Amino acid sequence: MNNLSGSLHTKVHKWIDAIGFRLSGSQTNFKDNVTTNHYFFETFNFFEKAKNNDPKHSKFLCFDAYGESIKVRSLLDLQTAFFENISQL
């Protein structure tokens, strides 16, 4: 199961690099050792939380066109939310 999370992290980062997402901000909770990165492109935002800076423990969260939160379980989840958001412009 850890390999799936690691590969999701790799796929997401390759895709956001290809699209041109930018890192808007990064915060680290030193007590829990969790880093939260905020990425954006145009009007689309999503978050990555990584525990111990380990890709195996990364979780992604984005929002659909209506502002509802979506837990990203696959690259397709992120891409669907992104293209729906961009199509609303």
PDB file of N, CA and C in Angstrom:
ATOM      1  N   MET A   1       0.819  -1.187   0.000  1.00  0.00           N
ATOM      2  CA  MET A   1       0.000   0.000   0.000  1.00  0.00           C
ATOM      3  C   MET A   1       0.864   1.252   0.000  1.00  0.00           C
ATOM      4  N   ASN A   2       2.019   1.201   0.646  1.00  0.00           N
ATOM      5  CA  ASN A   2       2.907   2.353   0.666  1.00  0.00           C
ATOM      6  C   ASN A   2       3.389   2.724  -0.721  1.00  0.00           C
ATOM      7  N   ASN A   3       3.570   1.747  -1.599  1.00  0.00           N
ATOM      8  CA  ASN A   3       4.014   2.034  -2.958  1.00  0.00           C
ATOM      9  C   ASN A   3       2.985   2.854  -3.719  1.00  0.00           C
ATOM     10  N   LEU A   4       1.710   2.616  -3.465  1.00  0.00           N
ATOM     11  CA  LEU A   4       0.661   3.384  -4.130  1.00  0.00           C
ATOM     12  C   LEU A   4       0.723   4.846  -3.730  1.00  0.00           C
ATOM     13  N   SER A   5       0.915   5.130  -2.455  1.00  0.00           N
ATOM     14  CA  SER A   5       1.004   6.509  -1.994  1.00  0.00           C
ATOM     15  C   SER A   5       2.224   7.196  -2.575  1.00  0.00           C
ATOM     16  N   GLY A   6       3.350   6.493  -2.605  1.00  0.00           N
ATOM     17  CA  GLY A   6       4.559   7.060  -3.172  1.00  0.00           C
ATOM     18  C   GLY A   6       4.394   7.349  -4.643  1.00  0.00           C
ATOM     19  N   SER A   7       3.751   6.459  -5.362  1.00  0.00           N
ATOM     20  CA  SER A   7       3.564   6.676  -6.788  1.00  0.00           C
ATOM     21  C   SER A   7       2.552   7.791  -7.034  1.00  0.00           C
ATOM     22  N   LEU A   8       1.556   7.928  -6.169  1.00  0.00           N
ATOM     23  CA  LEU A   8       0.611   9.043  -6.310  1.00  0.00           C
ATOM     24  C   LEU A   8       1.354  10.362  -6.135  1.00  0.00           C
ATOM     25  N   HIS A   9       2.219  10.436  -5.148  1.00  0.00           N
ATOM     26  CA  HIS A   9       3.007  11.643  -4.917  1.00  0.00           C
ATOM     27  C   HIS A   9       3.833  11.983  -6.152  1.00  0.00           C
ATOM     28  N   THR A  10       4.484  10.996  -6.724  1.00  0.00           N
ATOM     29  CA  THR A  10       5.309  11.205  -7.908  1.00  0.00           C
ATOM     30  C   THR A  10       4.469  11.652  -9.096  1.00  0.00           C
ATOM     31  N   LYS A  11       3.342  10.973  -9.319  1.00  0.00           N
ATOM     32  CA  LYS A  11       2.462  11.336 -10.443  1.00  0.00           C
ATOM     33  C   LYS A  11       1.933  12.750 -10.297  1.00  0.00           C
ATOM     34  N   VAL A  12       1.487  13.097  -9.101  1.00  0.00           N
ATOM     35  CA  VAL A  12       0.937  14.439  -8.871  1.00  0.00           C
ATOM     36  C   VAL A  12       2.008  15.495  -9.118  1.00  0.00           C
ATOM     37  N   HIS A  13       3.196  15.283  -8.598  1.00  0.00           N
ATOM     38  CA  HIS A  13       4.246  16.299  -8.756  1.00  0.00           C
ATOM     39  C   HIS A  13       4.731  16.417 -10.194  1.00  0.00           C
ATOM     40  N   LYS A  14       4.774  15.331 -10.934  1.00  0.00           N
ATOM     41  CA  LYS A  14       5.127  15.416 -12.357  1.00  0.00           C
ATOM     42  C   LYS A  14       4.058  16.205 -13.108  1.00  0.00           C
ATOM     43  N   TRP A  15       2.794  15.951 -12.784  1.00  0.00           N
ATOM     44  CA  TRP A  15       1.696  16.626 -13.466  1.00  0.00           C
ATOM     45  C   TRP A  15       1.660  18.116 -13.124  1.00  0.00           C
ATOM     46  N   ILE A  16       1.818  18.477 -11.855  1.00  0.00           N
ATOM     47  CA  ILE A  16       1.754  19.900 -11.499  1.00  0.00           C
ATOM     48  C   ILE A  16       2.954  20.659 -12.067  1.00  0.00           C
ATOM     49  N   ASP A  17       4.090  19.991 -12.203  1.00  0.00           N
ATOM     50  CA  ASP A  17       5.242  20.632 -12.847  1.00  0.00           C
ATOM     51  C   ASP A  17       4.958  20.871 -14.332  1.00  0.00           C
ATOM     52  N   ALA A  18       4.307  19.915 -14.989  1.00  0.00           N
ATOM     53  CA  ALA A  18       3.995  20.048 -16.413  1.00  0.00           C
ATOM     54  C   ALA A  18       2.964  21.159 -16.657  1.00  0.00           C
ATOM     55  N   ILE A  19       1.982  21.283 -15.771  1.00  0.00           N
ATOM     56  CA  ILE A  19       0.933  22.302 -15.930  1.00  0.00           C
ATOM     57  C   ILE A  19       1.473  23.683 -15.574  1.00  0.00           C
ATOM     58  N   GLY A  20       2.320  23.762 -14.589  1.00  0.00           N
ATOM     59  CA  GLY A  20       2.875  25.048 -14.178  1.00  0.00           C
ATOM     60  C   GLY A  20       2.335  25.562 -12.854  1.00  0.00           C
ATOM     61  N   PHE A  21       1.930  24.659 -11.979  1.00  0.00           N
ATOM     62  CA  PHE A  21       1.479  25.062 -10.645  1.00  0.00           C
ATOM     63  C   PHE A  21       2.629  25.722  -9.897  1.00  0.00           C
ATOM     64  N   ARG A  22       2.275  26.604  -8.994  1.00  0.00           N
ATOM     65  CA  ARG A  22       3.280  27.260  -8.154  1.00  0.00           C
ATOM     66  C   ARG A  22       2.988  26.968  -6.695  1.00  0.00           C
ATOM     67  N   LEU A  23       4.053  26.908  -5.928  1.00  0.00           N
ATOM     68  CA  LEU A  23       3.916  26.736  -4.489  1.00  0.00           C
ATOM     69  C   LEU A  23       3.606  28.100  -3.890  1.00  0.00           C
ATOM     70  N   SER A  24       2.429  28.223  -3.311  1.00  0.00           N
ATOM     71  CA  SER A  24       1.996  29.496  -2.743  1.00  0.00           C
ATOM     72  C   SER A  24       2.527  29.671  -1.327  1.00  0.00           C
ATOM     73  N   GLY A  25       2.563  28.595  -0.586  1.00  0.00           N
ATOM     74  CA  GLY A  25       3.023  28.688   0.793  1.00  0.00           C
ATOM     75  C   GLY A  25       3.268  27.318   1.369  1.00  0.00           C
ATOM     76  N   SER A  26       4.036  27.299   2.438  1.00  0.00           N
ATOM     77  CA  SER A  26       4.350  26.054   3.105  1.00  0.00           C
ATOM     78  C   SER A  26       4.404  26.319   4.605  1.00  0.00           C
ATOM     79  N   GLN A  27       3.760  25.466   5.374  1.00  0.00           N
ATOM     80  CA  GLN A  27       3.760  25.586   6.828  1.00  0.00           C
ATOM     81  C   GLN A  27       4.120  24.246   7.440  1.00  0.00           C
ATOM     82  N   THR A  28       4.879  24.293   8.505  1.00  0.00           N
ATOM     83  CA  THR A  28       5.247  23.065   9.204  1.00  0.00           C
ATOM     84  C   THR A  28       4.776  23.149  10.645  1.00  0.00           C
ATOM     85  N   ASN A  29       4.052  22.126  11.058  1.00  0.00           N
ATOM     86  CA  ASN A  29       3.653  21.972  12.446  1.00  0.00           C
ATOM     87  C   ASN A  29       4.731  21.091  13.086  1.00  0.00           C
ATOM     88  N   PHE A  30       5.634  21.715  13.822  1.00  0.00           N
ATOM     89  CA  PHE A  30       6.766  20.983  14.377  1.00  0.00           C
ATOM     90  C   PHE A  30       6.351  19.986  15.451  1.00  0.00           C
ATOM     91  N   LYS A  31       5.243  20.254  16.124  1.00  0.00           N
ATOM     92  CA  LYS A  31       4.778  19.334  17.164  1.00  0.00           C
ATOM     93  C   LYS A  31       4.383  17.989  16.551  1.00  0.00           C
ATOM     94  N   ASP A  32       3.618  18.036  15.449  1.00  0.00           N
ATOM     95  CA  ASP A  32       3.166  16.812  14.779  1.00  0.00           C
ATOM     96  C   ASP A  32       4.082  16.401  13.636  1.00  0.00           C
ATOM     97  N   ASN A  33       5.053  17.261  13.303  1.00  0.00           N
ATOM     98  CA  ASN A  33       5.986  17.023  12.206  1.00  0.00           C
ATOM     99  C   ASN A  33       5.239  16.832  10.877  1.00  0.00           C
ATOM    100  N   VAL A  34       4.260  17.718  10.627  1.00  0.00           N
ATOM    101  CA  VAL A  34       3.470  17.687   9.399  1.00  0.00           C
ATOM    102  C   VAL A  34       3.711  18.982   8.631  1.00  0.00           C
ATOM    103  N   THR A  35       4.044  18.836   7.352  1.00  0.00           N
ATOM    104  CA  THR A  35       4.247  19.993   6.489  1.00  0.00           C
ATOM    105  C   THR A  35       3.072  20.095   5.528  1.00  0.00           C
ATOM    106  N   THR A  36       2.489  21.285   5.422  1.00  0.00           N
ATOM    107  CA  THR A  36       1.380  21.528   4.510  1.00  0.00           C
ATOM    108  C   THR A  36       1.854  22.489   3.428  1.00  0.00           C
ATOM    109  N   ASN A  37       1.765  22.041   2.172  1.00  0.00           N
ATOM    110  CA  ASN A  37       2.119  22.876   1.024  1.00  0.00           C
ATOM    111  C   ASN A  37       0.851  23.284   0.295  1.00  0.00           C
ATOM    112  N   HIS A  38       0.777  24.544  -0.088  1.00  0.00           N
ATOM    113  CA  HIS A  38      -0.374  25.078  -0.806  1.00  0.00           C
ATOM    114  C   HIS A  38       0.072  25.410  -2.227  1.00  0.00           C
ATOM    115  N   TYR A  39      -0.530  24.760  -3.214  1.00  0.00           N
ATOM    116  CA  TYR A  39      -0.203  24.977  -4.618  1.00  0.00           C
ATOM    117  C   TYR A  39      -1.371  25.670  -5.304  1.00  0.00           C
ATOM    118  N   PHE A  40      -1.071  26.481  -6.329  1.00  0.00           N
ATOM    119  CA  PHE A  40      -2.158  27.129  -7.073  1.00  0.00           C
ATOM    120  C   PHE A  40      -1.786  27.289  -8.535  1.00  0.00           C
ATOM    121  N   PHE A  41      -2.829  27.393  -9.348  1.00  0.00           N
ATOM    122  CA  PHE A  41      -2.717  27.711 -10.768  1.00  0.00           C
ATOM    123  C   PHE A  41      -4.007  28.415 -11.139  1.00  0.00           C
ATOM    124  N   GLU A  42      -3.896  29.656 -11.578  1.00  0.00           N
ATOM    125  CA  GLU A  42      -5.060  30.490 -11.913  1.00  0.00           C
ATOM    126  C   GLU A  42      -6.008  30.546 -10.708  1.00  0.00           C
ATOM    127  N   THR A  43      -7.167  29.894 -10.804  1.00  0.00           N
ATOM    128  CA  THR A  43      -8.148  29.932  -9.712  1.00  0.00           C
ATOM    129  C   THR A  43      -8.231  28.602  -8.959  1.00  0.00           C
ATOM    130  N   PHE A  44      -7.363  27.661  -9.281  1.00  0.00           N
ATOM    131  CA  PHE A  44      -7.423  26.334  -8.675  1.00  0.00           C
ATOM    132  C   PHE A  44      -6.350  26.211  -7.595  1.00  0.00           C
ATOM    133  N   ASN A  45      -6.748  25.734  -6.444  1.00  0.00           N
ATOM    134  CA  ASN A  45      -5.849  25.544  -5.304  1.00  0.00           C
ATOM    135  C   ASN A  45      -5.947  24.114  -4.810  1.00  0.00           C
ATOM    136  N   PHE A  46      -4.826  23.596  -4.323  1.00  0.00           N
ATOM    137  CA  PHE A  46      -4.893  22.327  -3.616  1.00  0.00           C
ATOM    138  C   PHE A  46      -3.772  22.267  -2.587  1.00  0.00           C
ATOM    139  N   PHE A  47      -3.931  21.350  -1.652  1.00  0.00           N
ATOM    140  CA  PHE A  47      -3.016  21.231  -0.526  1.00  0.00           C
ATOM    141  C   PHE A  47      -2.401  19.842  -0.494  1.00  0.00           C
ATOM    142  N   GLU A  48      -1.166  19.800  -0.047  1.00  0.00           N
ATOM    143  CA  GLU A  48      -0.469  18.538   0.179  1.00  0.00           C
ATOM    144  C   GLU A  48       0.012  18.542   1.630  1.00  0.00           C
ATOM    145  N   LYS A  49      -0.347  17.494   2.360  1.00  0.00           N
ATOM    146  CA  LYS A  49       0.147  17.332   3.727  1.00  0.00           C
ATOM    147  C   LYS A  49       1.078  16.134   3.746  1.00  0.00           C
ATOM    148  N   ALA A  50       2.269  16.359   4.272  1.00  0.00           N
ATOM    149  CA  ALA A  50       3.253  15.280   4.344  1.00  0.00           C
ATOM    150  C   ALA A  50       3.746  15.139   5.773  1.00  0.00           C
ATOM    151  N   LYS A  51       3.678  13.946   6.278  1.00  0.00           N
ATOM    152  CA  LYS A  51       4.172  13.681   7.626  1.00  0.00           C
ATOM    153  C   LYS A  51       5.627  13.245   7.524  1.00  0.00           C
ATOM    154  N   ASN A  52       6.471  13.864   8.319  1.00  0.00           N
ATOM    155  CA  ASN A  52       7.907  13.574   8.342  1.00  0.00           C
ATOM    156  C   ASN A  52       8.571  13.811   6.983  1.00  0.00           C
ATOM    157  N   ASN A  53       7.984  14.678   6.146  1.00  0.00           N
ATOM    158  CA  ASN A  53       8.494  14.956   4.801  1.00  0.00           C
ATOM    159  C   ASN A  53       8.705  13.677   3.995  1.00  0.00           C
ATOM    160  N   ASP A  54       7.849  12.714   4.204  1.00  0.00           N
ATOM    161  CA  ASP A  54       7.944  11.420   3.535  1.00  0.00           C
ATOM    162  C   ASP A  54       6.820  11.300   2.507  1.00  0.00           C
ATOM    163  N   PRO A  55       7.154  11.126   1.216  1.00  0.00           N
ATOM    164  CA  PRO A  55       6.109  11.011   0.189  1.00  0.00           C
ATOM    165  C   PRO A  55       5.120   9.879   0.446  1.00  0.00           C
ATOM    166  N   LYS A  56       5.536   8.854   1.169  1.00  0.00           N
ATOM    167  CA  LYS A  56       4.632   7.744   1.463  1.00  0.00           C
ATOM    168  C   LYS A  56       3.470   8.185   2.339  1.00  0.00           C
ATOM    169  N   HIS A  57       3.668   9.265   3.085  1.00  0.00           N
ATOM    170  CA  HIS A  57       2.634   9.744   3.997  1.00  0.00           C
ATOM    171  C   HIS A  57       1.970  11.015   3.500  1.00  0.00           C
ATOM    172  N   SER A  58       2.119  11.329   2.214  1.00  0.00           N
ATOM    173  CA  SER A  58       1.496  12.534   1.658  1.00  0.00           C
ATOM    174  C   SER A  58       0.012  12.301   1.408  1.00  0.00           C
ATOM    175  N   LYS A  59      -0.755  13.329   1.716  1.00  0.00           N
ATOM    176  CA  LYS A  59      -2.195  13.316   1.425  1.00  0.00           C
ATOM    177  C   LYS A  59      -2.509  14.607   0.684  1.00  0.00           C
ATOM    178  N   PHE A  60      -3.413  14.524  -0.272  1.00  0.00           N
ATOM    179  CA  PHE A  60      -3.768  15.679  -1.091  1.00  0.00           C
ATOM    180  C   PHE A  60      -5.233  16.018  -0.896  1.00  0.00           C
ATOM    181  N   LEU A  61      -5.523  17.310  -0.925  1.00  0.00           N
ATOM    182  CA  LEU A  61      -6.878  17.820  -0.779  1.00  0.00           C
ATOM    183  C   LEU A  61      -7.070  18.945  -1.778  1.00  0.00           C
ATOM    184  N   CYS A  62      -8.172  18.898  -2.520  1.00  0.00           N
ATOM    185  CA  CYS A  62      -8.481  19.988  -3.436  1.00  0.00           C
ATOM    186  C   CYS A  62      -9.968  20.307  -3.318  1.00  0.00           C
ATOM    187  N   PHE A  63     -10.426  21.227  -4.120  1.00  0.00           N
ATOM    188  CA  PHE A  63     -11.809  21.677  -4.056  1.00  0.00           C
ATOM    189  C   PHE A  63     -12.416  21.643  -5.445  1.00  0.00           C
ATOM    190  N   ASP A  64     -13.700  21.272  -5.516  1.00  0.00           N
ATOM    191  CA  ASP A  64     -14.370  21.272  -6.814  1.00  0.00           C
ATOM    192  C   ASP A  64     -14.834  22.683  -7.148  1.00  0.00           C
ATOM    193  N   ALA A  65     -15.534  22.820  -8.267  1.00  0.00           N
ATOM    194  CA  ALA A  65     -15.962  24.138  -8.743  1.00  0.00           C
ATOM    195  C   ALA A  65     -16.930  24.823  -7.778  1.00  0.00           C
ATOM    196  N   TYR A  66     -17.540  24.062  -6.878  1.00  0.00           N
ATOM    197  CA  TYR A  66     -18.513  24.615  -5.938  1.00  0.00           C
ATOM    198  C   TYR A  66     -17.916  24.837  -4.552  1.00  0.00           C
ATOM    199  N   GLY A  67     -16.617  24.590  -4.397  1.00  0.00           N
ATOM    200  CA  GLY A  67     -15.957  24.802  -3.118  1.00  0.00           C
ATOM    201  C   GLY A  67     -16.012  23.624  -2.173  1.00  0.00           C
ATOM    202  N   GLU A  68     -16.532  22.503  -2.640  1.00  0.00           N
ATOM    203  CA  GLU A  68     -16.592  21.297  -1.816  1.00  0.00           C
ATOM    204  C   GLU A  68     -15.212  20.638  -1.797  1.00  0.00           C
ATOM    205  N   SER A  69     -14.783  20.186  -0.632  1.00  0.00           N
ATOM    206  CA  SER A  69     -13.465  19.561  -0.543  1.00  0.00           C
ATOM    207  C   SER A  69     -13.498  18.144  -1.112  1.00  0.00           C
ATOM    208  N   ILE A  70     -12.397  17.776  -1.754  1.00  0.00           N
ATOM    209  CA  ILE A  70     -12.254  16.459  -2.366  1.00  0.00           C
ATOM    210  C   ILE A  70     -10.935  15.865  -1.889  1.00  0.00           C
ATOM    211  N   LYS A  71     -10.992  14.686  -1.279  1.00  0.00           N
ATOM    212  CA  LYS A  71      -9.766  13.975  -0.934  1.00  0.00           C
ATOM    213  C   LYS A  71      -9.255  13.329  -2.217  1.00  0.00           C
ATOM    214  N   VAL A  72      -8.028  13.596  -2.548  1.00  0.00           N
ATOM    215  CA  VAL A  72      -7.445  13.087  -3.787  1.00  0.00           C
ATOM    216  C   VAL A  72      -6.900  11.688  -3.537  1.00  0.00           C
ATOM    217  N   ARG A  73      -7.517  10.720  -4.183  1.00  0.00           N
ATOM    218  CA  ARG A  73      -7.072   9.334  -4.048  1.00  0.00           C
ATOM    219  C   ARG A  73      -6.329   8.857  -5.287  1.00  0.00           C
ATOM    220  N   SER A  74      -6.457   9.635  -6.372  1.00  0.00           N
ATOM    221  CA  SER A  74      -5.748   9.295  -7.610  1.00  0.00           C
ATOM    222  C   SER A  74      -5.462  10.599  -8.356  1.00  0.00           C
ATOM    223  N   LEU A  75      -4.571  10.520  -9.303  1.00  0.00           N
ATOM    224  CA  LEU A  75      -4.261  11.687 -10.117  1.00  0.00           C
ATOM    225  C   LEU A  75      -5.501  12.132 -10.880  1.00  0.00           C
ATOM    226  N   LEU A  76      -6.341  11.194 -11.270  1.00  0.00           N
ATOM    227  CA  LEU A  76      -7.571  11.523 -11.988  1.00  0.00           C
ATOM    228  C   LEU A  76      -8.500  12.405 -11.148  1.00  0.00           C
ATOM    229  N   ASP A  77      -8.584  12.165  -9.843  1.00  0.00           N
ATOM    230  CA  ASP A  77      -9.402  13.012  -8.968  1.00  0.00           C
ATOM    231  C   ASP A  77      -8.940  14.464  -9.041  1.00  0.00           C
ATOM    232  N   LEU A  78      -7.639  14.661  -8.974  1.00  0.00           N
ATOM    233  CA  LEU A  78      -7.073  16.012  -9.020  1.00  0.00           C
ATOM    234  C   LEU A  78      -7.279  16.645 -10.385  1.00  0.00           C
ATOM    235  N   GLN A  79      -7.041  15.889 -11.442  1.00  0.00           N
ATOM    236  CA  GLN A  79      -7.199  16.418 -12.795  1.00  0.00           C
ATOM    237  C   GLN A  79      -8.654  16.777 -13.094  1.00  0.00           C
ATOM    238  N   THR A  80      -9.585  15.958 -12.646  1.00  0.00           N
ATOM    239  CA  THR A  80     -11.008  16.227 -12.870  1.00  0.00           C
ATOM    240  C   THR A  80     -11.416  17.524 -12.190  1.00  0.00           C
ATOM    241  N   ALA A  81     -11.045  17.684 -10.940  1.00  0.00           N
ATOM    242  CA  ALA A  81     -11.380  18.914 -10.212  1.00  0.00           C
ATOM    243  C   ALA A  81     -10.727  20.120 -10.875  1.00  0.00           C
ATOM    244  N   PHE A  82      -9.476  19.968 -11.325  1.00  0.00           N
ATOM    245  CA  PHE A  82      -8.752  21.064 -11.968  1.00  0.00           C
ATOM    246  C   PHE A  82      -9.457  21.504 -13.254  1.00  0.00           C
ATOM    247  N   PHE A  83      -9.755  20.555 -14.138  1.00  0.00           N
ATOM    248  CA  PHE A  83     -10.346  20.920 -15.425  1.00  0.00           C
ATOM    249  C   PHE A  83     -11.784  21.440 -15.273  1.00  0.00           C
ATOM    250  N   GLU A  84     -12.522  20.945 -14.287  1.00  0.00           N
ATOM    251  CA  GLU A  84     -13.851  21.495 -14.019  1.00  0.00           C
ATOM    252  C   GLU A  84     -13.738  22.937 -13.552  1.00  0.00           C
ATOM    253  N   ASN A  85     -12.758  23.229 -12.697  1.00  0.00           N
ATOM    254  CA  ASN A  85     -12.551  24.580 -12.194  1.00  0.00           C
ATOM    255  C   ASN A  85     -12.145  25.510 -13.326  1.00  0.00           C
ATOM    256  N   ILE A  86     -11.194  25.094 -14.134  1.00  0.00           N
ATOM    257  CA  ILE A  86     -10.701  25.929 -15.223  1.00  0.00           C
ATOM    258  C   ILE A  86     -11.791  26.174 -16.264  1.00  0.00           C
ATOM    259  N   SER A  87     -12.650  25.192 -16.487  1.00  0.00           N
ATOM    260  CA  SER A  87     -13.718  25.364 -17.481  1.00  0.00           C
ATOM    261  C   SER A  87     -14.756  26.382 -17.044  1.00  0.00           C
ATOM    262  N   GLN A  88     -14.796  26.711 -15.751  1.00  0.00           N
ATOM    263  CA  GLN A  88     -15.741  27.700 -15.232  1.00  0.00           C
ATOM    264  C   GLN A  88     -15.287  29.122 -15.492  1.00  0.00           C
ATOM    265  N   LEU A  89     -14.029  29.317 -15.901  1.00  0.00           N
ATOM    266  CA  LEU A  89     -13.506  30.674 -16.124  1.00  0.00           C
ATOM    267  C   LEU A  89     -14.133  31.326 -17.325  1.00  0.00           C
TER     268      LEU A  89
END
